[in-house]
Amino acid sequence: METKNINIPKNEYINLLVRIVVGFIFIVTGTSKIVEPALFATEISNYDMMFAPLINLMAIILPWIEIVVGILFVLGVRIKANVIWYVEA
């Protein structure tokens, strides 16, 4: 079975709108995680994927990364690099 390339039209206004919406979502969710780090640490520990000493550290660091990436999305600064930086974190 062959896959077909789909040509998606590039519309700068749609890209801008999506970038701003996604950026604000990152900012709002990151801020809510900063307000209650204990709750976020509990949510991380529920996944049972991380060593216990690292849970609190991740609960403190991840929301700040999320906010920085959200701000950079809204401002349009190095979009491709921001996506890679967030995915790798």
Protein backbone atom coordinates (compact mmCIF):
# COMPACT_ATOMS: atom_id res chain seq x y z
CA MET A 1 0.00 0.00 0.00
CA GLU A 2 1.43 3.33 -1.04
CA THR A 3 1.16 6.47 0.97
CA LYS A 4 0.24 9.64 -0.84
CA ASN A 5 1.69 13.01 -0.10
CA ILE A 6 -1.03 15.39 0.93
CA ASN A 7 -0.46 18.98 -0.03
CA ILE A 8 -1.64 21.12 2.84
CA PRO A 9 -1.93 24.77 1.88
CA LYS A 10 0.27 27.05 3.98
CA ASN A 11 -1.76 29.87 5.42
CA GLU A 12 0.20 32.28 7.57
CA TYR A 13 -2.89 33.41 9.47
CA ILE A 14 -3.85 29.88 10.45
CA ASN A 15 -0.25 29.16 11.48
CA LEU A 16 -0.24 32.32 13.60
CA LEU A 17 -3.56 31.47 15.24
CA VAL A 18 -2.54 27.89 16.03
CA ARG A 19 0.85 29.04 17.34
CA ILE A 20 -0.77 31.58 19.67
CA VAL A 21 -3.43 29.16 20.92
CA VAL A 22 -0.90 26.38 21.59
CA GLY A 23 1.45 28.88 23.25
CA PHE A 24 -1.27 30.13 25.60
CA ILE A 25 -2.28 26.56 26.44
CA PHE A 26 1.34 25.82 27.41
CA ILE A 27 1.51 29.00 29.50
CA VAL A 28 -1.78 28.36 31.32
CA THR A 29 -1.10 24.70 32.06
CA GLY A 30 2.47 25.44 33.13
CA THR A 31 1.25 28.18 35.46
CA SER A 32 -1.31 25.88 37.04
CA LYS A 33 1.43 23.31 37.69
CA ILE A 34 3.64 25.95 39.32
CA VAL A 35 0.83 27.04 41.64
CA GLU A 36 0.40 23.51 43.05
CA PRO A 37 3.68 21.61 42.65
CA ALA A 38 2.68 18.95 45.20
CA LEU A 39 -0.37 18.01 43.13
CA PHE A 40 1.73 17.89 39.97
CA ALA A 41 4.33 15.72 41.75
CA THR A 42 1.53 13.34 42.74
CA GLU A 43 0.34 13.19 39.14
CA ILE A 44 3.87 12.39 37.97
CA SER A 45 4.28 9.67 40.60
CA ASN A 46 0.99 8.04 39.54
CA TYR A 47 2.65 7.04 36.25
CA ASP A 48 5.31 4.98 38.11
CA MET A 49 7.86 5.77 35.41
CA MET A 50 10.42 7.76 37.40
CA PHE A 51 12.62 7.23 40.40
CA ALA A 52 11.13 8.72 43.56
CA PRO A 53 13.94 11.25 44.19
CA LEU A 54 13.46 12.74 40.72
CA ILE A 55 9.72 13.30 40.99
CA ASN A 56 9.93 16.53 43.00
CA LEU A 57 12.70 17.86 40.78
CA MET A 58 10.66 17.20 37.65
CA ALA A 59 7.57 18.76 39.25
CA ILE A 60 9.58 21.94 39.72
CA ILE A 61 11.47 22.05 36.40
CA LEU A 62 8.90 20.86 33.82
CA PRO A 63 6.33 23.65 34.34
CA TRP A 64 9.01 26.31 33.79
CA ILE A 65 10.11 24.64 30.56
CA GLU A 66 6.46 24.53 29.50
CA ILE A 67 6.00 28.24 30.19
CA VAL A 68 9.20 29.25 28.38
CA VAL A 69 8.27 27.20 25.32
CA GLY A 70 4.74 28.67 25.40
CA ILE A 71 6.11 32.22 25.49
CA LEU A 72 8.49 31.46 22.64
CA PHE A 73 5.59 30.00 20.61
CA VAL A 74 3.49 33.12 21.13
CA LEU A 75 6.41 35.37 20.18
CA GLY A 76 7.32 33.18 17.20
CA VAL A 77 10.94 32.79 18.23
CA ARG A 78 12.68 29.80 16.62
CA ILE A 79 9.56 27.67 16.30
CA LYS A 80 11.24 24.49 15.02
CA ALA A 81 13.94 24.63 17.70
CA ASN A 82 11.30 25.13 20.41
CA VAL A 83 9.36 22.07 19.33
CA ILE A 84 12.49 19.92 19.37
CA TRP A 85 13.56 21.34 22.75
CA TYR A 86 10.16 20.61 24.31
CA VAL A 87 9.88 17.11 22.84
CA GLU A 88 13.34 16.15 24.10
CA ALA A 89 12.72 17.50 27.64
